[in-house]
Amino acid sequence: MSAAPDRMHRPDNDLVDLVFDYMRERLQYDPVPLDHPGDGEHLRTQLSGLLNQDGNNPADVLKLYDHELSRAVISADSPRYLSFIPCAPTKAALLFDMVVSCASLQGISWLEAAGAIAAENQVLRLIADRAGMPETAGGCFVSGGSAGNLSALVVARDTARRKFNVGPEARLRIAVADQVHSSVKNTFNIIGVEAFKVPTVNRRFTGEALRAALAADPNPETVIAVVGTAGTTNEGIVDDLAGLAEVAREHDLWFHVDGAYGGAGLFAPSVRERYNGIEHADSFVVDPHKWLFAPFDCAALIYRNPQLARAVHTQDASYLDVLHTEGDEWNPTDYAYHLTRRARGLPLWFSLAVHGVQAYTDAIEAGLTLARETAQLIRDTEHLELLFDPQLSAVCFKRRGWTNDDYYRWSQQLLADQIGFVTPTGWDGETVARFAFLHPGTTMDMVREILDTMA
């Protein structure tokens, strides 16, 4: 007699207890360990034969994951993870992410997920209010800044095509600075537009530089949009958003702001004025899985006029017609290139509702304070050199006399000793060091311990 085809879908209390016990233990780690990079040959050996015809004992599979796989993943939620841009989700957000997963919640349409979408929209409204965008603003949650930038700039492109009554053959350009994120450059390749590159002024994209570049260009009418950055990934620099917005209005350009990392600073009074001008954005992206303490993967994409996005992204198919009705309809699938999507904004919504907005402000300010104190410590250390006064929570610095190989050996040893995960970066063609502070559990004692290894 063959096994029941629904055997995988039946309740299994033993499996529930096994996995919940593991999750409970993982959530109690204090602090979260960094762990190590993996060895490919070892991991392939451990995984060999696992995906077989008949399956395996769940306890054995979980033990393999715990002892071998999870320890070959560097923990982005460790307070000693100071590379790239860390992730430090709150416990409330992590727990509710499990709720979203175990309930098979999705966030495709109002018809199927009105409750989830209403909660997500409440968070989007909070972020839009912090940016000073109008009551009409709205959007959706996507997987990350790359998806958000792509979705927004497709709307910018298609809106321009309609305005000028041109097709895909028309040459269109978008103004960017050399500090713009790699995802924006990649987006241009995908959507078939060119970069209109504008030199930065002291590493900052300014309205004055944009105005001068447009005036000097023989075909300024082909420039349809401008992308400002609210917190460059490497240095945490906020562009001259007010100046860029002014030039965008003068030339009728779409104004997009990439705040994937730094946009969370809108919640920090100590740096809020740096973002002046963001209220004029036509589209704006911020990643809560970075500095708003949500789990991967979560980015908020907000449009000043969501109807423009809806005109571009709504997918037409006979089986989707039922989604488009009157009333409270708000289909997240209409505001980005996706169709199927999980309700990835709910963990952030739950954590905000539980902890309150002030807790987020305090945690963000902690990262800013840590960056300022670290910068001063570097200034006061003879063999170190601060490269740029931190605007947000990224700190770039160098160890005098070190070569490229010195930085990489130092970085590898730090991780091997579990002191910290700090990878080198580039600065004007030179290899240097960089801290990215985000986790409110990171302390100056940890920073001193890391810097002491550079003596």
Protein backbone atom coordinates (compact mmCIF):
# COMPACT_ATOMS: atom_id res chain seq x y z
CA MET A 1 0.00 0.00 0.00
CA SER A 2 1.47 3.39 -0.99
CA ALA A 3 2.03 6.12 1.57
CA ALA A 4 -0.61 8.86 1.90
CA PRO A 5 0.19 11.79 -0.42
CA ASP A 6 -0.69 14.30 2.31
CA ARG A 7 1.72 12.84 4.85
CA MET A 8 3.97 15.93 4.69
CA HIS A 9 1.05 18.22 5.55
CA ARG A 10 -0.27 16.46 8.65
CA PRO A 11 0.35 17.97 12.11
CA ASP A 12 3.52 16.59 13.70
CA ASN A 13 3.86 17.64 17.33
CA ASP A 14 7.29 16.07 17.72
CA LEU A 15 8.63 18.06 14.77
CA VAL A 16 7.05 21.23 16.12
CA ASP A 17 8.69 20.72 19.51
CA LEU A 18 12.05 19.90 17.92
CA VAL A 19 12.13 23.06 15.81
CA PHE A 20 10.62 25.35 18.44
CA ASP A 21 13.17 24.20 21.00
CA TYR A 22 15.95 25.06 18.57
CA MET A 23 14.45 28.47 17.79
CA ARG A 24 14.03 29.21 21.49
CA GLU A 25 17.70 28.41 22.08
CA ARG A 26 18.81 30.54 19.10
CA LEU A 27 16.76 33.49 20.30
CA GLN A 28 18.43 33.28 23.73
CA TYR A 29 21.99 33.67 22.40
CA ASP A 30 23.57 36.60 24.22
CA PRO A 31 25.60 37.73 22.46
CA VAL A 32 25.02 36.14 19.07
CA PRO A 33 28.27 34.43 17.98
CA LEU A 34 30.00 35.57 14.79
CA ASP A 35 30.85 32.06 13.54
CA HIS A 36 33.11 31.43 10.56
CA PRO A 37 33.27 31.20 6.77
CA GLY A 38 32.61 27.70 5.44
CA ASP A 39 34.89 25.23 3.72
CA GLY A 40 33.19 24.11 0.50
CA GLU A 41 34.61 20.60 0.38
CA HIS A 42 33.70 19.91 4.00
CA LEU A 43 30.16 21.19 3.53
CA ARG A 44 29.63 19.16 0.38
CA THR A 45 30.79 16.05 2.23
CA GLN A 46 28.40 16.71 5.12
CA LEU A 47 25.48 17.24 2.75
CA SER A 48 26.24 14.26 0.53
CA GLY A 49 23.28 11.90 0.17
CA LEU A 50 20.97 13.97 2.35
CA LEU A 51 18.35 14.55 -0.36
CA ASN A 52 17.42 10.92 -0.88
CA GLN A 53 14.25 9.06 -1.82
CA ASP A 54 12.96 8.32 1.66
CA GLY A 55 13.98 11.28 3.80
CA ASN A 56 15.82 11.40 7.13
CA ASN A 57 15.17 11.63 10.84
CA PRO A 58 14.27 15.30 11.53
CA ALA A 59 16.51 15.40 14.61
CA ASP A 60 19.49 14.28 12.51
CA VAL A 61 18.80 16.90 9.86
CA LEU A 62 18.46 19.68 12.44
CA LYS A 63 21.67 18.52 14.16
CA LEU A 64 23.48 18.71 10.82
CA TYR A 65 22.18 22.21 10.29
CA ASP A 66 23.09 23.33 13.81
CA HIS A 67 26.56 21.78 14.00
CA GLU A 68 27.73 22.21 10.42
CA LEU A 69 25.67 24.57 8.28
CA SER A 70 24.71 27.33 10.72
CA ARG A 71 28.26 27.64 11.96
CA ALA A 72 29.47 28.28 8.44
CA VAL A 73 27.25 31.38 8.22
CA ILE A 74 28.64 34.63 9.61
CA SER A 75 25.90 36.08 11.80
CA ALA A 76 24.86 39.52 10.55
CA ASP A 77 22.96 40.05 13.81
CA SER A 78 26.08 39.78 15.98
CA PRO A 79 27.11 43.06 17.67
CA ARG A 80 30.62 42.29 16.41
CA TYR A 81 29.48 42.19 12.78
CA LEU A 82 30.72 45.57 11.55
CA SER A 83 31.14 44.91 7.82
CA PHE A 84 28.95 45.74 4.85
CA ILE A 85 25.67 46.81 6.48
CA PRO A 86 24.71 44.57 9.42
CA CYS A 87 21.24 43.32 10.32
CA ALA A 88 20.03 43.51 13.91
CA PRO A 89 16.38 42.45 14.02
CA THR A 90 14.53 42.83 17.30
CA LYS A 91 13.39 39.67 19.02
CA ALA A 92 9.79 40.74 18.48
CA ALA A 93 10.39 41.09 14.74
CA LEU A 94 12.09 37.71 14.54
CA LEU A 95 9.29 36.01 16.43
CA PHE A 96 6.60 37.56 14.26
CA ASP A 97 8.49 36.55 11.14
CA MET A 98 7.88 32.99 12.33
CA VAL A 99 4.17 33.80 12.67
CA VAL A 100 4.09 35.09 9.09
CA SER A 101 5.84 31.95 7.85
CA CYS A 102 3.86 29.38 9.79
CA ALA A 103 0.55 30.96 8.73
CA SER A 104 1.53 31.02 5.04
CA LEU A 105 0.67 34.70 4.94
CA GLN A 106 1.21 36.38 1.62
CA GLY A 107 0.77 39.96 0.59
CA ILE A 108 -0.29 39.86 -3.04
CA SER A 109 -3.66 41.59 -3.08
CA TRP A 110 -6.30 43.24 -0.93
CA LEU A 111 -8.71 40.44 -1.86
CA GLU A 112 -6.47 37.78 -0.35
CA ALA A 113 -4.59 39.64 2.39
CA ALA A 114 -6.41 42.83 3.41
CA GLY A 115 -5.43 42.50 7.08
CA ALA A 116 -1.74 42.03 6.35
CA ILE A 117 -1.68 44.84 3.78
CA ALA A 118 -3.50 47.26 6.11
CA ALA A 119 -0.81 46.68 8.74
CA GLU A 120 2.01 47.04 6.20
CA ASN A 121 0.47 50.27 4.91
CA GLN A 122 0.39 51.64 8.46
CA VAL A 123 4.19 51.25 8.60
CA LEU A 124 4.63 52.76 5.14
CA ARG A 125 2.57 55.74 6.30
CA LEU A 126 4.81 56.17 9.35
CA ILE A 127 7.94 56.21 7.16
CA ALA A 128 6.34 58.54 4.61
CA ASP A 129 5.37 60.93 7.43
CA ARG A 130 8.96 60.96 8.71
CA ALA A 131 10.09 61.86 5.21
CA GLY A 132 7.46 64.62 4.99
CA MET A 133 5.74 63.07 1.98
CA PRO A 134 2.06 63.88 1.29
CA GLU A 135 -0.94 61.93 2.52
CA THR A 136 -1.37 60.54 -0.99
CA ALA A 137 2.00 58.75 -0.81
CA GLY A 138 2.07 54.96 -0.71
CA GLY A 139 3.78 51.88 -2.00
CA CYS A 140 4.73 48.42 -0.84
CA PHE A 141 7.42 46.29 0.73
CA VAL A 142 9.89 44.56 -1.58
CA SER A 143 12.86 42.30 -0.98
CA GLY A 144 15.58 44.94 -0.77
CA GLY A 145 17.02 48.19 -2.03
CA SER A 146 17.93 46.66 -5.38
CA ALA A 147 14.32 45.64 -6.01
CA GLY A 148 13.08 49.00 -4.79
CA ASN A 149 15.45 51.02 -6.96
CA LEU A 150 14.63 48.91 -10.00
CA SER A 151 10.87 49.21 -9.50
CA ALA A 152 10.97 52.98 -8.91
CA LEU A 153 13.25 53.77 -11.84
CA VAL A 154 11.13 51.69 -14.21
CA VAL A 155 8.27 54.02 -13.26
CA ALA A 156 10.52 57.04 -13.87
CA ARG A 157 11.46 55.69 -17.31
CA ASP A 158 7.94 54.80 -18.41
CA THR A 159 6.47 58.04 -17.09
CA ALA A 160 9.02 59.92 -19.22
CA ARG A 161 8.27 57.80 -22.27
CA ARG A 162 4.59 58.68 -22.00
CA LYS A 163 5.34 62.35 -21.41
CA PHE A 164 7.56 62.60 -24.49
CA ASN A 165 5.57 60.06 -26.51
CA VAL A 166 8.69 58.00 -27.28
CA GLY A 167 9.38 54.27 -27.35
CA PRO A 168 12.21 51.98 -26.26
CA GLU A 169 14.44 53.29 -29.02
CA ALA A 170 14.66 56.75 -27.45
CA ARG A 171 17.82 57.68 -25.61
CA LEU A 172 17.04 58.39 -21.97
CA ARG A 173 19.47 59.22 -19.18
CA ILE A 174 19.31 59.40 -15.38
CA ALA A 175 21.59 61.70 -13.39
CA VAL A 176 23.73 60.01 -10.75
CA ALA A 177 26.92 60.67 -8.83
CA ASP A 178 29.91 58.36 -8.64
CA GLN A 179 28.92 57.38 -5.10
CA VAL A 180 25.59 55.91 -6.20
CA HIS A 181 24.91 52.33 -5.11
CA SER A 182 25.85 49.49 -7.45
CA SER A 183 22.19 48.40 -7.63
CA VAL A 184 21.31 51.67 -9.38
CA LYS A 185 24.03 51.12 -11.97
CA ASN A 186 22.75 47.57 -12.47
CA THR A 187 19.20 48.87 -12.85
CA PHE A 188 20.30 51.07 -15.76
CA ASN A 189 21.60 48.00 -17.59
CA ILE A 190 18.32 46.18 -16.99
CA ILE A 191 15.91 48.95 -18.01
CA GLY A 192 17.94 50.30 -20.93
CA VAL A 193 18.80 53.82 -19.78
CA GLU A 194 22.16 55.56 -19.56
CA ALA A 195 23.90 57.11 -16.58
CA PHE A 196 24.35 60.89 -16.73
CA LYS A 197 27.34 61.08 -14.40
CA VAL A 198 27.85 64.19 -12.32
CA PRO A 199 31.04 64.82 -10.30
CA THR A 200 30.63 64.93 -6.54
CA VAL A 201 31.70 67.83 -4.34
CA ASN A 202 33.58 66.55 -1.30
CA ARG A 203 32.07 63.11 -2.02
CA ARG A 204 28.53 64.57 -2.09
CA PHE A 205 26.08 64.91 -4.99
CA THR A 206 24.93 68.54 -4.98
CA GLY A 207 22.21 70.47 -6.74
CA GLU A 208 24.74 73.05 -7.90
CA ALA A 209 26.85 70.36 -9.60
CA LEU A 210 23.77 68.85 -11.25
CA ARG A 211 22.61 72.24 -12.52
CA ALA A 212 26.05 72.97 -13.99
CA ALA A 213 26.26 69.54 -15.64
CA LEU A 214 22.85 69.95 -17.27
CA ALA A 215 23.74 73.42 -18.50
CA ALA A 216 26.94 72.12 -20.07
CA ASP A 217 25.37 69.09 -21.76
CA PRO A 218 24.31 69.38 -25.42
CA ASN A 219 21.20 67.22 -24.91
CA PRO A 220 19.84 67.90 -21.42
CA GLU A 221 16.31 66.99 -22.56
CA THR A 222 17.36 63.31 -22.58
CA VAL A 223 17.90 63.43 -18.81
CA ILE A 224 14.63 62.27 -17.25
CA ALA A 225 15.46 61.66 -13.60
CA VAL A 226 17.97 62.15 -10.82
CA VAL A 227 18.94 59.71 -8.05
CA GLY A 228 20.07 61.10 -4.71
CA THR A 229 21.45 58.95 -1.92
CA ALA A 230 20.45 59.27 1.72
CA GLY A 231 23.44 57.51 3.23
CA THR A 232 26.04 56.08 0.86
CA THR A 233 26.91 52.51 1.77
CA ASN A 234 30.63 53.07 2.11
CA GLU A 235 30.81 56.40 3.96
CA GLY A 236 27.23 57.13 5.07
CA ILE A 237 27.10 60.43 3.18
CA VAL A 238 23.73 62.11 2.62
CA ASP A 239 23.55 63.97 -0.69
CA ASP A 240 22.30 67.53 -1.08
CA LEU A 241 18.71 66.36 -1.32
CA ALA A 242 17.23 69.86 -1.12
CA GLY A 243 19.46 71.11 -3.92
CA LEU A 244 18.81 68.06 -6.10
CA ALA A 245 15.07 68.40 -5.53
CA GLU A 246 15.19 72.05 -6.61
CA VAL A 247 16.98 71.23 -9.87
CA ALA A 248 14.61 68.31 -10.46
CA ARG A 249 11.65 70.69 -10.21
CA GLU A 250 13.31 73.21 -12.52
CA HIS A 251 13.88 70.58 -15.23
CA ASP A 252 10.78 68.44 -14.52
CA LEU A 253 12.88 65.41 -13.58
CA TRP A 254 11.77 62.40 -11.56
CA PHE A 255 13.51 62.61 -8.18
CA HIS A 256 14.35 59.25 -6.60
CA VAL A 257 16.07 58.88 -3.22
CA ASP A 258 17.96 55.70 -2.37
CA GLY A 259 17.90 55.57 1.43
CA ALA A 260 18.34 51.81 1.67
CA TYR A 261 20.89 52.09 4.47
CA GLY A 262 20.70 55.65 5.71
CA GLY A 263 17.00 56.40 5.36
CA ALA A 264 16.36 55.16 8.88
CA GLY A 265 18.15 58.29 10.09
CA LEU A 266 14.85 60.08 9.48
CA PHE A 267 13.89 58.73 12.90
CA ALA A 268 16.96 60.30 14.60
CA PRO A 269 16.57 63.96 15.65
CA SER A 270 20.35 64.47 15.80
CA VAL A 271 20.70 64.03 12.01
CA ARG A 272 17.18 64.69 10.68
CA GLU A 273 18.10 68.01 9.06
CA ARG A 274 20.58 66.21 6.77
CA TYR A 275 17.57 64.77 4.95
CA ASN A 276 15.89 68.08 4.15
CA GLY A 277 14.59 67.90 0.59
CA ILE A 278 13.54 64.25 0.76
CA GLU A 279 9.96 65.46 1.12
CA HIS A 280 10.07 66.38 -2.59
CA ALA A 281 11.02 62.86 -3.73
CA ASP A 282 8.86 61.14 -6.32
CA SER A 283 10.04 57.81 -4.96
CA PHE A 284 12.02 56.72 -1.93
CA VAL A 285 13.52 53.44 -0.69
CA VAL A 286 14.60 52.44 2.81
CA ASP A 287 15.54 48.93 3.96
CA PRO A 288 14.12 48.08 7.41
CA HIS A 289 16.31 44.95 7.42
CA LYS A 290 19.21 47.34 7.86
CA TRP A 291 18.76 50.18 10.36
CA LEU A 292 15.11 49.66 11.30
CA PHE A 293 15.81 46.29 12.91
CA ALA A 294 13.63 44.00 10.79
CA PRO A 295 14.62 40.53 9.56
CA PHE A 296 15.80 39.87 6.02
CA ASP A 297 14.36 40.56 3.50
CA CYS A 298 12.48 43.82 3.78
CA ALA A 299 12.59 47.14 1.93
CA ALA A 300 9.98 49.90 1.93
CA LEU A 301 9.28 51.48 -1.46
CA ILE A 302 7.20 54.66 -1.34
CA TYR A 303 5.88 56.82 -4.19
CA ARG A 304 4.64 60.41 -4.00
CA ASN A 305 1.97 59.51 -6.56
CA PRO A 306 1.32 55.76 -6.38
CA GLN A 307 -1.03 55.91 -9.37
CA LEU A 308 1.96 56.49 -11.65
CA ALA A 309 3.52 53.29 -10.35
CA ARG A 310 0.25 51.44 -10.67
CA ALA A 311 0.00 52.44 -14.33
CA VAL A 312 3.40 50.86 -14.94
CA HIS A 313 3.45 47.77 -12.71
CA THR A 314 -0.12 46.42 -12.75
CA GLN A 315 -0.05 43.05 -14.50
CA ASP A 316 -2.90 42.22 -16.84
CA ALA A 317 -4.15 38.66 -17.06
CA SER A 318 -7.65 37.19 -17.11
CA TYR A 319 -7.14 35.35 -13.84
CA LEU A 320 -6.01 38.58 -12.14
CA ASP A 321 -9.05 40.66 -13.15
CA VAL A 322 -10.84 39.74 -9.93
CA LEU A 323 -8.16 41.55 -7.91
CA HIS A 324 -9.03 44.92 -9.38
CA THR A 325 -12.23 46.10 -7.74
CA GLU A 326 -13.58 49.27 -6.21
CA GLY A 327 -13.36 50.36 -2.59
CA ASP A 328 -10.35 49.79 -0.33
CA GLU A 329 -8.35 47.89 -2.91
CA TRP A 330 -4.58 48.25 -2.43
CA ASN A 331 -2.63 45.56 -4.22
CA PRO A 332 1.11 45.62 -3.43
CA THR A 333 1.70 43.79 -6.69
CA ASP A 334 0.71 47.01 -8.52
CA TYR A 335 3.63 49.04 -7.15
CA ALA A 336 6.73 46.97 -8.01
CA TYR A 337 7.84 44.45 -10.60
CA HIS A 338 6.81 41.48 -8.45
CA LEU A 339 3.59 39.50 -8.40
CA THR A 340 3.86 36.88 -5.66
CA ARG A 341 5.27 38.32 -2.44
CA ARG A 342 5.33 37.47 1.24
CA ALA A 343 3.94 39.93 3.77
CA ARG A 344 7.47 40.97 4.66
CA GLY A 345 6.43 44.22 6.34
CA LEU A 346 4.53 42.52 9.17
CA PRO A 347 7.51 41.70 11.43
CA LEU A 348 8.46 45.39 11.45
CA TRP A 349 4.84 46.38 12.10
CA PHE A 350 4.62 44.01 15.08
CA SER A 351 7.89 45.17 16.60
CA LEU A 352 6.98 48.85 16.19
CA ALA A 353 3.60 48.21 17.79
CA VAL A 354 5.19 46.33 20.69
CA HIS A 355 8.16 48.60 21.41
CA GLY A 356 7.00 52.00 20.16
CA VAL A 357 8.73 54.41 17.80
CA GLN A 358 10.87 55.99 20.54
CA ALA A 359 12.69 52.70 21.07
CA TYR A 360 13.69 52.78 17.41
CA THR A 361 14.89 56.36 17.70
CA ASP A 362 16.99 55.44 20.73
CA ALA A 363 18.55 52.44 18.97
CA ILE A 364 19.39 54.46 15.84
CA GLU A 365 20.87 57.27 17.91
CA ALA A 366 23.05 54.69 19.68
CA GLY A 367 24.69 53.79 16.37
CA LEU A 368 25.24 57.46 15.55
CA THR A 369 26.82 58.10 18.94
CA LEU A 370 29.08 55.08 18.57
CA ALA A 371 30.30 56.36 15.20
CA ARG A 372 31.11 59.80 16.62
CA GLU A 373 32.96 58.35 19.62
CA THR A 374 34.88 55.93 17.41
CA ALA A 375 35.89 58.77 15.10
CA GLN A 376 37.29 60.68 18.05
CA LEU A 377 39.18 57.64 19.29
CA ILE A 378 40.74 57.23 15.84
CA ARG A 379 41.73 60.92 15.77
CA ASP A 380 43.41 60.47 19.15
CA THR A 381 45.37 57.36 18.06
CA GLU A 382 48.71 58.23 16.46
CA HIS A 383 48.97 55.30 14.04
CA LEU A 384 45.38 55.65 12.79
CA GLU A 385 43.88 58.23 10.45
CA LEU A 386 40.21 59.17 10.12
CA LEU A 387 39.31 59.62 6.44
CA PHE A 388 35.94 61.37 6.76
CA ASP A 389 33.94 62.79 9.63
CA PRO A 390 31.00 60.37 9.97
CA GLN A 391 27.65 61.79 8.91
CA LEU A 392 25.75 58.68 9.92
CA SER A 393 27.08 55.42 11.37
CA ALA A 394 29.82 54.41 8.90
CA VAL A 395 33.44 55.20 9.80
CA CYS A 396 36.27 54.89 7.26
CA PHE A 397 39.84 55.00 8.52
CA LYS A 398 43.33 53.75 7.80
CA ARG A 399 46.26 52.30 9.66
CA ARG A 400 49.31 54.28 8.66
CA GLY A 401 51.92 52.18 6.90
CA TRP A 402 49.67 49.24 6.06
CA THR A 403 49.36 47.67 2.63
CA ASN A 404 46.43 45.90 1.01
CA ASP A 405 47.72 42.54 2.27
CA ASP A 406 48.04 43.85 5.83
CA TYR A 407 44.36 44.82 5.92
CA TYR A 408 43.20 41.46 4.59
CA ARG A 409 45.39 39.47 6.99
CA TRP A 410 44.13 41.61 9.86
CA SER A 411 40.49 41.12 8.83
CA GLN A 412 40.86 37.35 8.56
CA GLN A 413 42.58 37.09 11.94
CA LEU A 414 39.88 39.20 13.61
CA LEU A 415 37.23 36.79 12.41
CA ALA A 416 39.28 33.71 13.24
CA ASP A 417 39.67 35.01 16.80
CA GLN A 418 35.95 35.96 16.91
CA ILE A 419 36.88 39.51 17.89
CA GLY A 420 34.99 41.09 15.01
CA PHE A 421 33.97 40.91 11.38
CA VAL A 422 35.52 43.97 9.75
CA THR A 423 36.31 43.73 6.05
CA PRO A 424 38.52 46.17 4.14
CA THR A 425 37.05 48.63 1.66
CA GLY A 426 38.31 51.02 -0.98
CA TRP A 427 39.00 54.75 -0.64
CA ASP A 428 40.27 56.67 -3.66
CA GLY A 429 42.04 53.59 -4.96
CA GLU A 430 43.54 52.68 -1.58
CA THR A 431 42.62 49.78 0.70
CA VAL A 432 41.37 51.00 4.09
CA ALA A 433 39.24 49.82 7.02
CA ARG A 434 35.60 50.59 7.71
CA PHE A 435 33.16 50.17 10.58
CA ALA A 436 29.42 50.01 9.92
CA PHE A 437 27.64 50.59 13.24
CA LEU A 438 24.03 49.52 13.45
CA HIS A 439 23.53 47.02 16.28
CA PRO A 440 22.67 48.91 19.51
CA GLY A 441 24.49 46.15 21.42
CA THR A 442 27.86 47.08 19.94
CA THR A 443 29.99 48.82 22.59
CA MET A 444 33.04 51.07 22.65
CA ASP A 445 34.85 48.29 24.52
CA MET A 446 34.38 46.09 21.44
CA VAL A 447 35.65 48.89 19.23
CA ARG A 448 38.73 49.42 21.40
CA GLU A 449 39.42 45.69 21.37
CA ILE A 450 39.35 45.69 17.57
CA LEU A 451 41.47 48.82 17.18
CA ASP A 452 44.03 47.49 19.65
CA THR A 453 44.78 44.68 17.18
CA MET A 454 46.05 47.32 14.73
CA ALA A 455 48.80 48.54 17.03
